[in-house]
Amino acid sequence: LHEANKSELAAKALEYIGGLYEIERESKDLPPDKRQEIRQTKAKPLADALHQWMLVHRQKVPDGSGTAKALDYSLKRWEALTRYLDDGAVPIDNNWVENQIRPWALGRSNWLFAGSLRSGQRAAAVMTLIQSAKLNGHDPYAYLKDVLTRLPTQKNNAIDELLPHNWELAVIDKER
């Protein structure tokens, strides 16, 4: 709303929200109990002020307007939006999760055309390995290159060594 209409109300709301995120930036490296303390002393009063400001200004804007819809959306979800204030381990937003699932959400329409059910299942298996490698701190390319190289000679009873949570890069003997 602010970018599209240069709304002063939207600008003021963004100031409040920016203040909440600034408090989060200041406390991001603290343990959850300390972060919760800071949230209660600094962020909660700011969030309460934003809530009151929204209630007052909702009465001033016409129903059906973009500003009214934005205020209604936030006010209806206020409890969920401010739940993070009561728990120092809960993030202020779900941006981390959104960033993790974005590649899958973007590719979803492309995967409808995998060719066949079997191709889709294979693609899902490979994507699972790639994501699991990332979650275990591995470079997916190095992981897959090593695993695919070792796989033909890997003993069946030791195949679990190649799973991302067990995998270690093979040491190549240079004297051979």
N, C-alpha and C. Protein backbone atom coordinates (compact mmCIF):
# COMPACT_ATOMS: atom_id res chain seq x y z
N LEU A 1 0.82 -1.20 0.00
CA LEU A 1 0.00 0.00 0.00
C LEU A 1 0.86 1.25 0.00
N HIS A 2 1.93 1.19 0.75
CA HIS A 2 2.78 2.37 0.84
C HIS A 2 3.43 2.66 -0.51
N GLU A 3 3.98 1.64 -1.15
CA GLU A 3 4.64 1.85 -2.44
C GLU A 3 3.64 2.25 -3.52
N ALA A 4 2.48 1.61 -3.53
CA ALA A 4 1.50 1.88 -4.59
C ALA A 4 0.81 3.23 -4.42
N ASN A 5 0.46 3.56 -3.18
CA ASN A 5 -0.37 4.76 -2.95
C ASN A 5 0.32 5.85 -2.13
N LYS A 6 1.56 5.60 -1.71
CA LYS A 6 2.26 6.54 -0.83
C LYS A 6 1.40 6.87 0.39
N SER A 7 0.76 5.83 0.92
CA SER A 7 -0.13 5.98 2.07
C SER A 7 0.65 6.33 3.33
N GLU A 8 0.25 7.39 3.98
CA GLU A 8 0.89 7.79 5.24
C GLU A 8 0.58 6.78 6.35
N LEU A 9 -0.62 6.21 6.30
CA LEU A 9 -0.97 5.19 7.30
C LEU A 9 -0.08 3.97 7.14
N ALA A 10 0.12 3.53 5.91
CA ALA A 10 0.99 2.38 5.67
C ALA A 10 2.42 2.70 6.10
N ALA A 11 2.86 3.92 5.85
CA ALA A 11 4.22 4.32 6.25
C ALA A 11 4.38 4.24 7.76
N LYS A 12 3.36 4.70 8.49
CA LYS A 12 3.42 4.66 9.95
C LYS A 12 3.42 3.22 10.45
N ALA A 13 2.60 2.36 9.84
CA ALA A 13 2.58 0.95 10.23
C ALA A 13 3.95 0.33 9.98
N LEU A 14 4.58 0.67 8.86
CA LEU A 14 5.91 0.13 8.56
C LEU A 14 6.95 0.60 9.57
N GLU A 15 6.79 1.81 10.09
CA GLU A 15 7.69 2.29 11.15
C GLU A 15 7.58 1.41 12.39
N TYR A 16 6.35 1.13 12.80
CA TYR A 16 6.14 0.26 13.96
C TYR A 16 6.77 -1.12 13.71
N ILE A 17 6.47 -1.69 12.55
CA ILE A 17 6.96 -3.03 12.22
C ILE A 17 8.49 -3.02 12.14
N GLY A 18 9.04 -1.97 11.54
CA GLY A 18 10.49 -1.84 11.48
C GLY A 18 11.12 -1.80 12.86
N GLY A 19 10.45 -1.14 13.81
CA GLY A 19 10.93 -1.11 15.19
C GLY A 19 10.96 -2.49 15.82
N LEU A 20 9.93 -3.30 15.54
CA LEU A 20 9.88 -4.66 16.06
C LEU A 20 11.02 -5.50 15.49
N TYR A 21 11.26 -5.35 14.20
CA TYR A 21 12.37 -6.10 13.58
C TYR A 21 13.73 -5.61 14.06
N GLU A 22 13.85 -4.34 14.37
CA GLU A 22 15.12 -3.82 14.90
C GLU A 22 15.41 -4.45 16.26
N ILE A 23 14.40 -4.59 17.08
CA ILE A 23 14.57 -5.25 18.39
C ILE A 23 15.02 -6.70 18.18
N GLU A 24 14.45 -7.36 17.17
CA GLU A 24 14.85 -8.74 16.87
C GLU A 24 16.31 -8.80 16.43
N ARG A 25 16.73 -7.85 15.59
CA ARG A 25 18.13 -7.84 15.13
C ARG A 25 19.08 -7.66 16.31
N GLU A 26 18.70 -6.82 17.26
CA GLU A 26 19.55 -6.57 18.42
C GLU A 26 19.66 -7.79 19.33
N SER A 27 18.64 -8.63 19.33
CA SER A 27 18.63 -9.76 20.27
C SER A 27 18.79 -11.12 19.60
N LYS A 28 19.12 -11.15 18.31
CA LYS A 28 19.15 -12.42 17.58
C LYS A 28 20.20 -13.41 18.10
N ASP A 29 21.30 -12.91 18.65
CA ASP A 29 22.37 -13.81 19.10
C ASP A 29 22.25 -14.19 20.58
N LEU A 30 21.21 -13.73 21.23
CA LEU A 30 21.02 -14.02 22.65
C LEU A 30 20.30 -15.34 22.84
N PRO A 31 20.48 -15.96 24.01
CA PRO A 31 19.73 -17.19 24.30
C PRO A 31 18.23 -16.87 24.39
N PRO A 32 17.37 -17.86 24.17
CA PRO A 32 15.93 -17.62 24.16
C PRO A 32 15.37 -16.92 25.40
N ASP A 33 15.87 -17.25 26.58
CA ASP A 33 15.33 -16.61 27.78
C ASP A 33 15.63 -15.10 27.82
N LYS A 34 16.82 -14.72 27.38
CA LYS A 34 17.19 -13.29 27.34
C LYS A 34 16.40 -12.58 26.24
N ARG A 35 16.22 -13.27 25.10
CA ARG A 35 15.47 -12.69 23.99
C ARG A 35 14.02 -12.44 24.43
N GLN A 36 13.46 -13.39 25.18
CA GLN A 36 12.09 -13.22 25.65
C GLN A 36 11.99 -12.03 26.60
N GLU A 37 12.98 -11.86 27.46
CA GLU A 37 13.01 -10.70 28.36
C GLU A 37 12.98 -9.40 27.58
N ILE A 38 13.82 -9.31 26.57
CA ILE A 38 13.89 -8.11 25.75
C ILE A 38 12.58 -7.90 25.00
N ARG A 39 12.02 -8.98 24.50
CA ARG A 39 10.74 -8.87 23.81
C ARG A 39 9.66 -8.33 24.73
N GLN A 40 9.66 -8.81 25.97
CA GLN A 40 8.64 -8.35 26.91
C GLN A 40 8.83 -6.88 27.31
N THR A 41 10.09 -6.47 27.46
CA THR A 41 10.33 -5.09 27.90
C THR A 41 10.33 -4.07 26.77
N LYS A 42 10.78 -4.49 25.57
CA LYS A 42 10.87 -3.53 24.46
C LYS A 42 9.83 -3.77 23.37
N ALA A 43 9.73 -5.02 22.89
CA ALA A 43 8.87 -5.29 21.74
C ALA A 43 7.39 -5.31 22.10
N LYS A 44 7.04 -5.85 23.27
CA LYS A 44 5.62 -5.93 23.64
C LYS A 44 4.98 -4.55 23.74
N PRO A 45 5.62 -3.58 24.40
CA PRO A 45 5.01 -2.25 24.42
C PRO A 45 4.85 -1.63 23.02
N LEU A 46 5.83 -1.88 22.16
CA LEU A 46 5.75 -1.38 20.79
C LEU A 46 4.63 -2.08 20.01
N ALA A 47 4.51 -3.39 20.19
CA ALA A 47 3.43 -4.15 19.53
C ALA A 47 2.07 -3.70 20.05
N ASP A 48 1.97 -3.47 21.36
CA ASP A 48 0.70 -2.98 21.93
C ASP A 48 0.34 -1.61 21.36
N ALA A 49 1.33 -0.75 21.20
CA ALA A 49 1.09 0.58 20.62
C ALA A 49 0.63 0.44 19.16
N LEU A 50 1.25 -0.46 18.43
CA LEU A 50 0.83 -0.70 17.04
C LEU A 50 -0.60 -1.21 17.00
N HIS A 51 -0.94 -2.11 17.89
CA HIS A 51 -2.29 -2.65 17.93
C HIS A 51 -3.31 -1.55 18.21
N GLN A 52 -3.05 -0.73 19.19
CA GLN A 52 -3.96 0.37 19.50
C GLN A 52 -4.06 1.34 18.33
N TRP A 53 -2.95 1.64 17.72
CA TRP A 53 -2.92 2.54 16.56
C TRP A 53 -3.78 1.97 15.43
N MET A 54 -3.65 0.65 15.20
CA MET A 54 -4.44 0.01 14.15
C MET A 54 -5.93 0.07 14.45
N LEU A 55 -6.30 -0.18 15.69
CA LEU A 55 -7.72 -0.13 16.07
C LEU A 55 -8.30 1.26 15.85
N VAL A 56 -7.56 2.28 16.25
CA VAL A 56 -8.03 3.66 16.09
C VAL A 56 -8.17 4.01 14.61
N HIS A 57 -7.16 3.68 13.83
CA HIS A 57 -7.18 4.07 12.42
C HIS A 57 -8.12 3.21 11.58
N ARG A 58 -8.44 2.02 12.05
CA ARG A 58 -9.41 1.20 11.30
C ARG A 58 -10.77 1.88 11.27
N GLN A 59 -11.09 2.59 12.34
CA GLN A 59 -12.38 3.29 12.41
C GLN A 59 -12.43 4.48 11.44
N LYS A 60 -11.26 4.95 11.03
CA LYS A 60 -11.19 6.15 10.19
C LYS A 60 -11.17 5.86 8.69
N VAL A 61 -10.88 4.62 8.31
CA VAL A 61 -10.77 4.31 6.88
C VAL A 61 -12.05 3.63 6.38
N PRO A 62 -12.43 3.91 5.15
CA PRO A 62 -13.67 3.34 4.62
C PRO A 62 -13.57 1.83 4.41
N ASP A 63 -14.67 1.13 4.69
CA ASP A 63 -14.73 -0.31 4.46
C ASP A 63 -14.47 -0.60 2.99
N GLY A 64 -13.79 -1.70 2.74
CA GLY A 64 -13.53 -2.11 1.36
C GLY A 64 -12.28 -1.51 0.76
N SER A 65 -11.70 -0.51 1.40
CA SER A 65 -10.48 0.09 0.86
C SER A 65 -9.30 -0.85 1.11
N GLY A 66 -8.23 -0.66 0.36
CA GLY A 66 -7.04 -1.48 0.55
C GLY A 66 -6.49 -1.37 1.95
N THR A 67 -6.52 -0.16 2.50
CA THR A 67 -6.03 0.05 3.86
C THR A 67 -6.90 -0.69 4.86
N ALA A 68 -8.22 -0.64 4.67
CA ALA A 68 -9.14 -1.34 5.57
C ALA A 68 -8.88 -2.85 5.52
N LYS A 69 -8.68 -3.37 4.31
CA LYS A 69 -8.42 -4.81 4.17
C LYS A 69 -7.12 -5.20 4.86
N ALA A 70 -6.09 -4.38 4.71
CA ALA A 70 -4.81 -4.67 5.35
C ALA A 70 -4.93 -4.63 6.88
N LEU A 71 -5.63 -3.63 7.38
CA LEU A 71 -5.81 -3.53 8.83
C LEU A 71 -6.65 -4.70 9.35
N ASP A 72 -7.73 -5.03 8.65
CA ASP A 72 -8.58 -6.14 9.07
C ASP A 72 -7.80 -7.45 9.09
N TYR A 73 -6.98 -7.66 8.06
CA TYR A 73 -6.17 -8.88 7.98
C TYR A 73 -5.29 -9.00 9.22
N SER A 74 -4.60 -7.93 9.56
CA SER A 74 -3.69 -7.97 10.71
C SER A 74 -4.44 -8.08 12.03
N LEU A 75 -5.52 -7.33 12.17
CA LEU A 75 -6.27 -7.36 13.43
C LEU A 75 -6.89 -8.73 13.69
N LYS A 76 -7.37 -9.39 12.64
CA LYS A 76 -7.97 -10.72 12.81
C LYS A 76 -6.92 -11.75 13.21
N ARG A 77 -5.67 -11.50 12.86
CA ARG A 77 -4.60 -12.46 13.13
C ARG A 77 -3.65 -11.96 14.22
N TRP A 78 -4.08 -11.00 14.97
CA TRP A 78 -3.18 -10.34 15.92
C TRP A 78 -2.55 -11.32 16.91
N GLU A 79 -3.34 -12.23 17.44
CA GLU A 79 -2.80 -13.20 18.41
C GLU A 79 -1.67 -14.02 17.79
N ALA A 80 -1.88 -14.50 16.57
CA ALA A 80 -0.85 -15.30 15.91
C ALA A 80 0.37 -14.44 15.55
N LEU A 81 0.13 -13.21 15.13
CA LEU A 81 1.23 -12.32 14.75
C LEU A 81 2.13 -11.96 15.93
N THR A 82 1.57 -11.95 17.13
CA THR A 82 2.34 -11.54 18.30
C THR A 82 2.70 -12.71 19.22
N ARG A 83 2.43 -13.92 18.79
CA ARG A 83 2.74 -15.10 19.61
C ARG A 83 4.23 -15.17 19.95
N TYR A 84 5.08 -14.70 19.05
CA TYR A 84 6.53 -14.77 19.26
C TYR A 84 6.97 -13.98 20.49
N LEU A 85 6.17 -13.01 20.93
CA LEU A 85 6.55 -12.18 22.08
C LEU A 85 6.63 -12.99 23.38
N ASP A 86 5.91 -14.09 23.46
CA ASP A 86 5.85 -14.89 24.69
C ASP A 86 6.83 -16.04 24.74
N ASP A 87 7.61 -16.21 23.67
CA ASP A 87 8.56 -17.33 23.64
C ASP A 87 9.81 -16.89 22.89
N GLY A 88 10.92 -16.84 23.59
CA GLY A 88 12.17 -16.39 22.99
C GLY A 88 12.73 -17.31 21.92
N ALA A 89 12.21 -18.53 21.83
CA ALA A 89 12.69 -19.48 20.83
C ALA A 89 11.90 -19.39 19.52
N VAL A 90 10.78 -18.69 19.54
CA VAL A 90 9.94 -18.57 18.35
C VAL A 90 10.40 -17.35 17.55
N PRO A 91 10.62 -17.53 16.24
CA PRO A 91 11.05 -16.39 15.43
C PRO A 91 9.90 -15.41 15.19
N ILE A 92 10.25 -14.18 14.85
CA ILE A 92 9.25 -13.15 14.60
C ILE A 92 8.44 -13.45 13.34
N ASP A 93 9.03 -14.17 12.41
CA ASP A 93 8.34 -14.50 11.16
C ASP A 93 8.77 -15.89 10.69
N ASN A 94 8.21 -16.32 9.59
CA ASN A 94 8.56 -17.64 9.07
C ASN A 94 9.41 -17.53 7.80
N ASN A 95 10.18 -16.47 7.67
CA ASN A 95 10.99 -16.25 6.47
C ASN A 95 11.97 -17.39 6.22
N TRP A 96 12.57 -17.95 7.26
CA TRP A 96 13.53 -19.02 7.07
C TRP A 96 12.87 -20.21 6.39
N VAL A 97 11.69 -20.58 6.88
CA VAL A 97 10.97 -21.71 6.31
C VAL A 97 10.54 -21.39 4.88
N GLU A 98 10.05 -20.18 4.66
CA GLU A 98 9.64 -19.78 3.31
C GLU A 98 10.80 -19.90 2.34
N ASN A 99 11.98 -19.48 2.75
CA ASN A 99 13.15 -19.56 1.88
C ASN A 99 13.56 -21.01 1.61
N GLN A 100 13.34 -21.89 2.59
CA GLN A 100 13.69 -23.29 2.40
C GLN A 100 12.76 -23.98 1.40
N ILE A 101 11.48 -23.61 1.41
CA ILE A 101 10.53 -24.30 0.53
C ILE A 101 10.33 -23.60 -0.81
N ARG A 102 10.87 -22.40 -0.97
CA ARG A 102 10.67 -21.65 -2.21
C ARG A 102 11.08 -22.44 -3.46
N PRO A 103 12.23 -23.10 -3.49
CA PRO A 103 12.58 -23.84 -4.72
C PRO A 103 11.54 -24.90 -5.07
N TRP A 104 10.97 -25.53 -4.06
CA TRP A 104 9.98 -26.57 -4.33
C TRP A 104 8.68 -25.94 -4.80
N ALA A 105 8.31 -24.83 -4.20
CA ALA A 105 7.07 -24.17 -4.61
C ALA A 105 7.19 -23.65 -6.05
N LEU A 106 8.34 -23.10 -6.40
CA LEU A 106 8.54 -22.58 -7.75
C LEU A 106 8.56 -23.68 -8.79
N GLY A 107 9.11 -24.83 -8.43
CA GLY A 107 9.22 -25.92 -9.38
C GLY A 107 7.99 -26.80 -9.50
N ARG A 108 7.05 -26.62 -8.59
CA ARG A 108 5.90 -27.52 -8.52
C ARG A 108 5.19 -27.67 -9.87
N SER A 109 4.94 -26.56 -10.57
CA SER A 109 4.23 -26.67 -11.85
C SER A 109 5.08 -27.38 -12.90
N ASN A 110 6.39 -27.21 -12.83
CA ASN A 110 7.26 -27.90 -13.77
C ASN A 110 7.26 -29.41 -13.53
N TRP A 111 7.12 -29.81 -12.30
CA TRP A 111 7.19 -31.23 -11.96
C TRP A 111 5.93 -31.98 -12.39
N LEU A 112 4.90 -31.26 -12.77
CA LEU A 112 3.71 -31.93 -13.27
C LEU A 112 4.01 -32.67 -14.57
N PHE A 113 5.11 -32.27 -15.20
CA PHE A 113 5.45 -32.82 -16.50
C PHE A 113 6.72 -33.66 -16.42
N ALA A 114 6.82 -34.48 -15.41
CA ALA A 114 8.00 -35.33 -15.24
C ALA A 114 8.04 -36.44 -16.27
N GLY A 115 6.95 -36.68 -16.96
CA GLY A 115 6.92 -37.70 -18.00
C GLY A 115 6.11 -38.92 -17.62
N SER A 116 6.29 -39.37 -16.39
CA SER A 116 5.55 -40.53 -15.92
C SER A 116 5.61 -40.55 -14.39
N LEU A 117 4.81 -41.40 -13.82
CA LEU A 117 4.83 -41.55 -12.37
C LEU A 117 6.21 -41.99 -11.90
N ARG A 118 6.80 -42.92 -12.60
CA ARG A 118 8.12 -43.43 -12.22
C ARG A 118 9.18 -42.32 -12.29
N SER A 119 9.12 -41.49 -13.34
CA SER A 119 10.06 -40.37 -13.46
C SER A 119 9.88 -39.38 -12.32
N GLY A 120 8.63 -39.12 -11.96
CA GLY A 120 8.35 -38.21 -10.85
C GLY A 120 8.89 -38.76 -9.53
N GLN A 121 8.76 -40.04 -9.33
CA GLN A 121 9.28 -40.67 -8.11
C GLN A 121 10.80 -40.60 -8.06
N ARG A 122 11.44 -40.80 -9.20
CA ARG A 122 12.91 -40.70 -9.25
C ARG A 122 13.35 -39.28 -8.97
N ALA A 123 12.67 -38.32 -9.58
CA ALA A 123 13.01 -36.91 -9.34
C ALA A 123 12.84 -36.56 -7.87
N ALA A 124 11.77 -37.06 -7.26
CA ALA A 124 11.54 -36.80 -5.83
C ALA A 124 12.65 -37.40 -4.98
N ALA A 125 13.11 -38.60 -5.34
CA ALA A 125 14.19 -39.24 -4.59
C ALA A 125 15.47 -38.43 -4.69
N VAL A 126 15.80 -37.97 -5.89
CA VAL A 126 17.02 -37.18 -6.08
C VAL A 126 16.91 -35.85 -5.32
N MET A 127 15.76 -35.19 -5.41
CA MET A 127 15.59 -33.92 -4.70
C MET A 127 15.67 -34.11 -3.19
N THR A 128 15.17 -35.24 -2.71
CA THR A 128 15.26 -35.54 -1.28
C THR A 128 16.72 -35.71 -0.86
N LEU A 129 17.49 -36.42 -1.66
CA LEU A 129 18.92 -36.57 -1.37
C LEU A 129 19.64 -35.22 -1.36
N ILE A 130 19.33 -34.38 -2.34
CA ILE A 130 19.97 -33.06 -2.42
C ILE A 130 19.64 -32.23 -1.19
N GLN A 131 18.37 -32.17 -0.84
CA GLN A 131 17.96 -31.37 0.32
C GLN A 131 18.53 -31.95 1.61
N SER A 132 18.55 -33.28 1.73
CA SER A 132 19.12 -33.91 2.92
C SER A 132 20.61 -33.63 3.02
N ALA A 133 21.30 -33.64 1.88
CA ALA A 133 22.73 -33.29 1.89
C ALA A 133 22.92 -31.87 2.39
N LYS A 134 22.11 -30.94 1.91
CA LYS A 134 22.21 -29.55 2.37
C LYS A 134 21.96 -29.45 3.87
N LEU A 135 20.91 -30.12 4.35
CA LEU A 135 20.57 -30.05 5.77
C LEU A 135 21.65 -30.66 6.66
N ASN A 136 22.46 -31.57 6.09
CA ASN A 136 23.56 -32.17 6.84
C ASN A 136 24.87 -31.44 6.62
N GLY A 137 24.82 -30.27 5.98
CA GLY A 137 25.99 -29.42 5.82
C GLY A 137 26.92 -29.82 4.68
N HIS A 138 26.42 -30.62 3.74
CA HIS A 138 27.25 -31.06 2.62
C HIS A 138 26.97 -30.22 1.38
N ASP A 139 27.98 -30.08 0.53
CA ASP A 139 27.80 -29.50 -0.79
C ASP A 139 27.09 -30.58 -1.62
N PRO A 140 25.87 -30.30 -2.12
CA PRO A 140 25.13 -31.35 -2.83
C PRO A 140 25.87 -31.91 -4.04
N TYR A 141 26.58 -31.08 -4.77
CA TYR A 141 27.32 -31.57 -5.94
C TYR A 141 28.41 -32.55 -5.51
N ALA A 142 29.21 -32.17 -4.51
CA ALA A 142 30.28 -33.05 -4.03
C ALA A 142 29.69 -34.34 -3.48
N TYR A 143 28.59 -34.23 -2.77
CA TYR A 143 27.94 -35.41 -2.20
C TYR A 143 27.49 -36.37 -3.31
N LEU A 144 26.72 -35.86 -4.27
CA LEU A 144 26.21 -36.73 -5.33
C LEU A 144 27.33 -37.30 -6.19
N LYS A 145 28.33 -36.49 -6.49
CA LYS A 145 29.46 -36.97 -7.30
C LYS A 145 30.16 -38.13 -6.60
N ASP A 146 30.42 -37.97 -5.31
CA ASP A 146 31.10 -39.02 -4.56
C ASP A 146 30.23 -40.27 -4.43
N VAL A 147 28.96 -40.08 -4.10
CA VAL A 147 28.07 -41.23 -3.90
C VAL A 147 27.87 -41.98 -5.21
N LEU A 148 27.66 -41.28 -6.30
CA LEU A 148 27.45 -41.96 -7.58
C LEU A 148 28.71 -42.67 -8.07
N THR A 149 29.86 -42.14 -7.67
CA THR A 149 31.12 -42.81 -8.03
C THR A 149 31.31 -44.08 -7.20
N ARG A 150 30.96 -44.02 -5.94
CA ARG A 150 31.16 -45.16 -5.04
C ARG A 150 30.06 -46.21 -5.12
N LEU A 151 28.90 -45.81 -5.53
CA LEU A 151 27.73 -46.69 -5.49
C LEU A 151 27.92 -48.03 -6.19
N PRO A 152 28.51 -48.10 -7.38
CA PRO A 152 28.64 -49.41 -8.05
C PRO A 152 29.49 -50.42 -7.28
N THR A 153 30.42 -49.97 -6.47
CA THR A 153 31.29 -50.90 -5.74
C THR A 153 30.96 -50.97 -4.25
N GLN A 154 29.97 -50.24 -3.81
CA GLN A 154 29.60 -50.23 -2.39
C GLN A 154 28.91 -51.55 -2.04
N LYS A 155 29.31 -52.17 -0.93
CA LYS A 155 28.67 -53.41 -0.49
C LYS A 155 27.25 -53.11 -0.04
N ASN A 156 26.34 -54.02 -0.32
CA ASN A 156 24.93 -53.84 0.03
C ASN A 156 24.74 -53.63 1.53
N ASN A 157 25.51 -54.32 2.35
CA ASN A 157 25.32 -54.20 3.80
C ASN A 157 25.92 -52.90 4.34
N ALA A 158 26.58 -52.12 3.49
CA ALA A 158 27.17 -50.84 3.91
C ALA A 158 26.58 -49.66 3.14
N ILE A 159 25.45 -49.88 2.49
CA ILE A 159 24.85 -48.83 1.65
C ILE A 159 24.43 -47.62 2.48
N ASP A 160 24.09 -47.85 3.77
CA ASP A 160 23.67 -46.74 4.62
C ASP A 160 24.80 -45.74 4.87
N GLU A 161 26.03 -46.12 4.61
CA GLU A 161 27.16 -45.19 4.75
C GLU A 161 27.07 -44.05 3.75
N LEU A 162 26.30 -44.26 2.68
CA LEU A 162 26.18 -43.25 1.63
C LEU A 162 25.01 -42.29 1.85
N LEU A 163 24.21 -42.54 2.87
CA LEU A 163 23.11 -41.63 3.17
C LEU A 163 23.66 -40.32 3.72
N PRO A 164 23.01 -39.21 3.43
CA PRO A 164 23.57 -37.89 3.81
C PRO A 164 23.95 -37.75 5.27
N HIS A 165 23.19 -38.33 6.19
CA HIS A 165 23.50 -38.16 7.61
C HIS A 165 24.67 -39.03 8.07
N ASN A 166 25.11 -40.00 7.24
CA ASN A 166 26.25 -40.85 7.57
C ASN A 166 27.46 -40.60 6.68
N TRP A 167 27.28 -39.90 5.60
CA TRP A 167 28.28 -39.78 4.54
C TRP A 167 29.52 -39.01 4.96
N GLU A 168 30.65 -39.53 4.52
CA GLU A 168 31.93 -38.82 4.63
C GLU A 168 32.60 -38.97 3.28
N LEU A 169 33.19 -37.89 2.80
CA LEU A 169 33.85 -37.88 1.50
C LEU A 169 34.96 -38.95 1.47
N ALA A 170 34.96 -39.75 0.43
CA ALA A 170 35.96 -40.80 0.31
C ALA A 170 37.34 -40.18 0.13
N VAL A 171 38.34 -40.75 0.80
CA VAL A 171 39.71 -40.29 0.64
C VAL A 171 40.33 -41.09 -0.49
N ILE A 172 40.78 -40.39 -1.52
CA ILE A 172 41.34 -41.07 -2.70
C ILE A 172 42.80 -41.33 -2.48
N ASP A 173 43.21 -42.57 -2.67
CA ASP A 173 44.60 -42.97 -2.50
C ASP A 173 45.37 -42.51 -3.73
N LYS A 174 46.26 -41.54 -3.59
CA LYS A 174 47.00 -40.94 -4.70
C LYS A 174 48.12 -41.84 -5.22
N GLU A 175 48.48 -42.89 -4.49
CA GLU A 175 49.59 -43.75 -4.89
C GLU A 175 49.14 -44.80 -5.91
N ARG A 176 47.86 -44.96 -6.10
CA ARG A 176 47.37 -45.99 -7.04
C ARG A 176 47.65 -45.61 -8.44
